[in-house]
Amino acid sequence: CDNPVLRMAMAKAGPVITDNGNFIIDANFGLIHDPDNLMRKIKMLTGVVEVGLFVRLAQIAYFGNENGSVTEKKSVLYETE
């Protein structure tokens, strides 16, 4: 990741703070070839509580598009089983 950014709040001044008092960092890793490995490496960093990679948790994801349509994407892991 080249440029991690502290997530700033929209409705108040300052960063977004979770219910547990933690900050959220947004990081773009581009195309992730090995999400399991990346998730493990991030979770091993001191201070990291959780990650936004949801590895092996869903078979299908639904994305709402600006035009009101919905895109469905199936996990390639489940397509081969």
N, C-alpha and C. Protein backbone atom coordinates (compact mmCIF):
# COMPACT_ATOMS: atom_id res chain seq x y z
N CYS A 1 0.85 -1.18 0.00
CA CYS A 1 0.00 0.00 0.00
C CYS A 1 0.90 1.25 0.00
N ASP A 2 0.64 2.12 -0.94
CA ASP A 2 1.48 3.31 -1.07
C ASP A 2 1.07 4.47 -0.18
N ASN A 3 -0.23 4.63 0.07
CA ASN A 3 -0.68 5.84 0.73
C ASN A 3 -1.86 5.60 1.67
N PRO A 4 -1.65 5.00 2.84
CA PRO A 4 -2.76 4.82 3.78
C PRO A 4 -3.23 6.19 4.30
N VAL A 5 -4.55 6.32 4.50
CA VAL A 5 -5.13 7.60 4.89
C VAL A 5 -6.06 7.41 6.09
N LEU A 6 -5.92 8.28 7.07
CA LEU A 6 -6.83 8.29 8.21
C LEU A 6 -8.20 8.75 7.71
N ARG A 7 -9.25 7.95 7.96
CA ARG A 7 -10.60 8.29 7.48
C ARG A 7 -11.14 9.47 8.29
N MET A 8 -11.51 10.52 7.58
CA MET A 8 -12.05 11.72 8.21
C MET A 8 -13.57 11.66 8.23
N ALA A 9 -14.16 12.19 9.30
CA ALA A 9 -15.62 12.19 9.46
C ALA A 9 -16.25 13.21 8.53
N MET A 10 -17.48 12.92 8.11
CA MET A 10 -18.21 13.84 7.24
C MET A 10 -19.08 14.80 8.06
N ALA A 11 -19.64 14.33 9.17
CA ALA A 11 -20.61 15.12 9.93
C ALA A 11 -19.99 15.83 11.14
N LYS A 12 -18.69 15.67 11.34
CA LYS A 12 -18.03 16.34 12.46
C LYS A 12 -16.58 16.61 12.07
N ALA A 13 -15.92 17.45 12.85
CA ALA A 13 -14.52 17.73 12.58
C ALA A 13 -13.66 16.61 13.13
N GLY A 14 -12.67 16.20 12.37
CA GLY A 14 -11.74 15.20 12.84
C GLY A 14 -11.98 13.83 12.24
N PRO A 15 -11.20 12.86 12.71
CA PRO A 15 -11.27 11.51 12.13
C PRO A 15 -12.48 10.71 12.63
N VAL A 16 -12.81 9.68 11.89
CA VAL A 16 -13.84 8.73 12.31
C VAL A 16 -13.26 7.93 13.48
N ILE A 17 -14.04 7.79 14.53
CA ILE A 17 -13.62 7.00 15.69
C ILE A 17 -14.68 5.94 15.93
N THR A 18 -14.26 4.69 16.07
CA THR A 18 -15.21 3.59 16.28
C THR A 18 -15.81 3.65 17.68
N ASP A 19 -16.80 2.81 17.91
CA ASP A 19 -17.44 2.75 19.23
C ASP A 19 -16.44 2.38 20.32
N ASN A 20 -15.37 1.67 19.95
CA ASN A 20 -14.35 1.27 20.92
C ASN A 20 -13.19 2.25 21.00
N GLY A 21 -13.31 3.40 20.32
CA GLY A 21 -12.27 4.42 20.40
C GLY A 21 -11.11 4.23 19.44
N ASN A 22 -11.29 3.41 18.43
CA ASN A 22 -10.22 3.16 17.46
C ASN A 22 -10.39 4.03 16.23
N PHE A 23 -9.30 4.26 15.52
CA PHE A 23 -9.31 5.01 14.27
C PHE A 23 -9.42 4.04 13.11
N ILE A 24 -9.88 4.55 11.97
CA ILE A 24 -9.99 3.73 10.76
C ILE A 24 -9.01 4.27 9.72
N ILE A 25 -8.20 3.39 9.19
CA ILE A 25 -7.25 3.73 8.13
C ILE A 25 -7.75 3.12 6.83
N ASP A 26 -7.86 3.93 5.78
CA ASP A 26 -8.21 3.43 4.46
C ASP A 26 -6.92 3.23 3.67
N ALA A 27 -6.78 2.04 3.09
CA ALA A 27 -5.57 1.71 2.35
C ALA A 27 -5.94 0.97 1.08
N ASN A 28 -5.43 1.44 -0.05
CA ASN A 28 -5.71 0.80 -1.33
C ASN A 28 -4.52 -0.08 -1.70
N PHE A 29 -4.76 -1.37 -1.77
CA PHE A 29 -3.71 -2.32 -2.11
C PHE A 29 -3.78 -2.74 -3.57
N GLY A 30 -4.68 -2.13 -4.33
CA GLY A 30 -4.83 -2.53 -5.73
C GLY A 30 -5.39 -3.95 -5.81
N LEU A 31 -5.07 -4.64 -6.87
CA LEU A 31 -5.52 -6.02 -7.04
C LEU A 31 -4.79 -6.90 -6.03
N ILE A 32 -5.54 -7.62 -5.22
CA ILE A 32 -4.96 -8.46 -4.18
C ILE A 32 -4.96 -9.91 -4.66
N HIS A 33 -3.78 -10.45 -4.89
CA HIS A 33 -3.66 -11.81 -5.43
C HIS A 33 -3.77 -12.88 -4.35
N ASP A 34 -3.41 -12.55 -3.12
CA ASP A 34 -3.45 -13.52 -2.03
C ASP A 34 -4.08 -12.86 -0.80
N PRO A 35 -5.42 -12.71 -0.78
CA PRO A 35 -6.06 -12.00 0.33
C PRO A 35 -5.85 -12.65 1.69
N ASP A 36 -5.76 -13.98 1.76
CA ASP A 36 -5.51 -14.66 3.05
C ASP A 36 -4.19 -14.19 3.65
N ASN A 37 -3.15 -14.18 2.84
CA ASN A 37 -1.83 -13.79 3.30
C ASN A 37 -1.80 -12.31 3.69
N LEU A 38 -2.40 -11.46 2.88
CA LEU A 38 -2.43 -10.03 3.20
C LEU A 38 -3.17 -9.78 4.51
N MET A 39 -4.30 -10.43 4.70
CA MET A 39 -5.07 -10.26 5.93
C MET A 39 -4.24 -10.68 7.15
N ARG A 40 -3.56 -11.81 7.05
CA ARG A 40 -2.71 -12.26 8.17
C ARG A 40 -1.61 -11.25 8.48
N LYS A 41 -0.95 -10.74 7.44
CA LYS A 41 0.14 -9.78 7.64
C LYS A 41 -0.35 -8.49 8.29
N ILE A 42 -1.50 -7.99 7.84
CA ILE A 42 -2.04 -6.75 8.42
C ILE A 42 -2.42 -6.97 9.87
N LYS A 43 -3.08 -8.08 10.17
CA LYS A 43 -3.52 -8.35 11.54
C LYS A 43 -2.35 -8.53 12.50
N MET A 44 -1.18 -8.87 11.99
CA MET A 44 0.00 -9.04 12.84
C MET A 44 0.65 -7.71 13.21
N LEU A 45 0.26 -6.62 12.55
CA LEU A 45 0.83 -5.31 12.85
C LEU A 45 0.34 -4.84 14.22
N THR A 46 1.24 -4.30 15.01
CA THR A 46 0.90 -3.78 16.32
C THR A 46 -0.15 -2.68 16.20
N GLY A 47 -1.21 -2.78 16.98
CA GLY A 47 -2.26 -1.77 17.00
C GLY A 47 -3.43 -2.06 16.09
N VAL A 48 -3.28 -3.00 15.17
CA VAL A 48 -4.38 -3.33 14.26
C VAL A 48 -5.40 -4.17 15.02
N VAL A 49 -6.66 -3.73 14.98
CA VAL A 49 -7.74 -4.44 15.67
C VAL A 49 -8.45 -5.36 14.70
N GLU A 50 -8.76 -4.86 13.51
CA GLU A 50 -9.50 -5.64 12.51
C GLU A 50 -9.18 -5.11 11.13
N VAL A 51 -9.51 -5.88 10.13
CA VAL A 51 -9.30 -5.48 8.74
C VAL A 51 -10.62 -5.53 7.99
N GLY A 52 -10.67 -4.85 6.88
CA GLY A 52 -11.88 -4.84 6.06
C GLY A 52 -11.83 -5.83 4.92
N LEU A 53 -10.99 -6.83 5.04
CA LEU A 53 -10.96 -7.92 4.06
C LEU A 53 -11.82 -9.04 4.63
N PHE A 54 -12.82 -9.44 3.89
CA PHE A 54 -13.74 -10.45 4.38
C PHE A 54 -13.47 -11.75 3.64
N VAL A 55 -12.33 -12.35 3.96
CA VAL A 55 -11.84 -13.53 3.26
C VAL A 55 -12.64 -14.76 3.67
N ARG A 56 -13.16 -15.47 2.69
CA ARG A 56 -13.88 -16.73 2.87
C ARG A 56 -15.15 -16.60 3.72
N LEU A 57 -15.77 -15.42 3.73
CA LEU A 57 -16.97 -15.23 4.54
C LEU A 57 -18.25 -15.22 3.73
N ALA A 58 -18.16 -14.96 2.44
CA ALA A 58 -19.38 -14.86 1.64
C ALA A 58 -19.22 -15.57 0.31
N GLN A 59 -20.31 -16.14 -0.15
CA GLN A 59 -20.30 -16.79 -1.46
C GLN A 59 -20.69 -15.81 -2.56
N ILE A 60 -21.52 -14.81 -2.21
CA ILE A 60 -22.00 -13.83 -3.17
C ILE A 60 -21.95 -12.44 -2.54
N ALA A 61 -21.56 -11.44 -3.33
CA ALA A 61 -21.60 -10.04 -2.89
C ALA A 61 -22.50 -9.26 -3.84
N TYR A 62 -23.28 -8.35 -3.29
CA TYR A 62 -24.18 -7.51 -4.09
C TYR A 62 -23.72 -6.07 -3.97
N PHE A 63 -23.61 -5.40 -5.11
CA PHE A 63 -23.16 -4.01 -5.16
C PHE A 63 -24.26 -3.15 -5.75
N GLY A 64 -24.67 -2.11 -5.03
CA GLY A 64 -25.65 -1.17 -5.55
C GLY A 64 -24.95 -0.15 -6.42
N ASN A 65 -25.45 0.05 -7.62
CA ASN A 65 -24.85 0.98 -8.57
C ASN A 65 -25.59 2.32 -8.56
N GLU A 66 -24.91 3.36 -9.03
CA GLU A 66 -25.48 4.70 -9.04
C GLU A 66 -26.80 4.77 -9.80
N ASN A 67 -26.95 3.95 -10.83
CA ASN A 67 -28.17 3.99 -11.65
C ASN A 67 -29.32 3.18 -11.04
N GLY A 68 -29.11 2.63 -9.85
CA GLY A 68 -30.15 1.86 -9.17
C GLY A 68 -30.09 0.36 -9.43
N SER A 69 -29.27 -0.06 -10.36
CA SER A 69 -29.14 -1.49 -10.63
C SER A 69 -28.27 -2.15 -9.56
N VAL A 70 -28.31 -3.45 -9.53
CA VAL A 70 -27.51 -4.21 -8.57
C VAL A 70 -26.63 -5.19 -9.33
N THR A 71 -25.35 -5.21 -8.99
CA THR A 71 -24.41 -6.15 -9.59
C THR A 71 -24.15 -7.27 -8.59
N GLU A 72 -24.19 -8.50 -9.04
CA GLU A 72 -23.94 -9.67 -8.20
C GLU A 72 -22.60 -10.27 -8.61
N LYS A 73 -21.73 -10.51 -7.65
CA LYS A 73 -20.45 -11.15 -7.93
C LYS A 73 -20.32 -12.38 -7.05
N LYS A 74 -19.99 -13.51 -7.68
CA LYS A 74 -19.82 -14.76 -6.95
C LYS A 74 -18.33 -15.01 -6.71
N SER A 75 -18.03 -15.60 -5.58
CA SER A 75 -16.65 -15.92 -5.24
C SER A 75 -16.14 -17.03 -6.13
N VAL A 76 -14.95 -16.85 -6.68
CA VAL A 76 -14.35 -17.90 -7.50
C VAL A 76 -14.01 -19.12 -6.65
N LEU A 77 -13.82 -18.94 -5.36
CA LEU A 77 -13.53 -20.07 -4.48
C LEU A 77 -14.69 -21.04 -4.44
N TYR A 78 -15.90 -20.52 -4.45
CA TYR A 78 -17.08 -21.37 -4.36
C TYR A 78 -17.49 -21.92 -5.72
N GLU A 79 -17.11 -21.26 -6.80
CA GLU A 79 -17.49 -21.73 -8.13
C GLU A 79 -16.77 -23.02 -8.49
N THR A 80 -15.60 -23.26 -7.92
CA THR A 80 -14.81 -24.44 -8.27
C THR A 80 -15.10 -25.63 -7.37
N GLU A 81 -15.84 -25.41 -6.29
CA GLU A 81 -16.11 -26.50 -5.35
C GLU A 81 -17.30 -27.32 -5.78
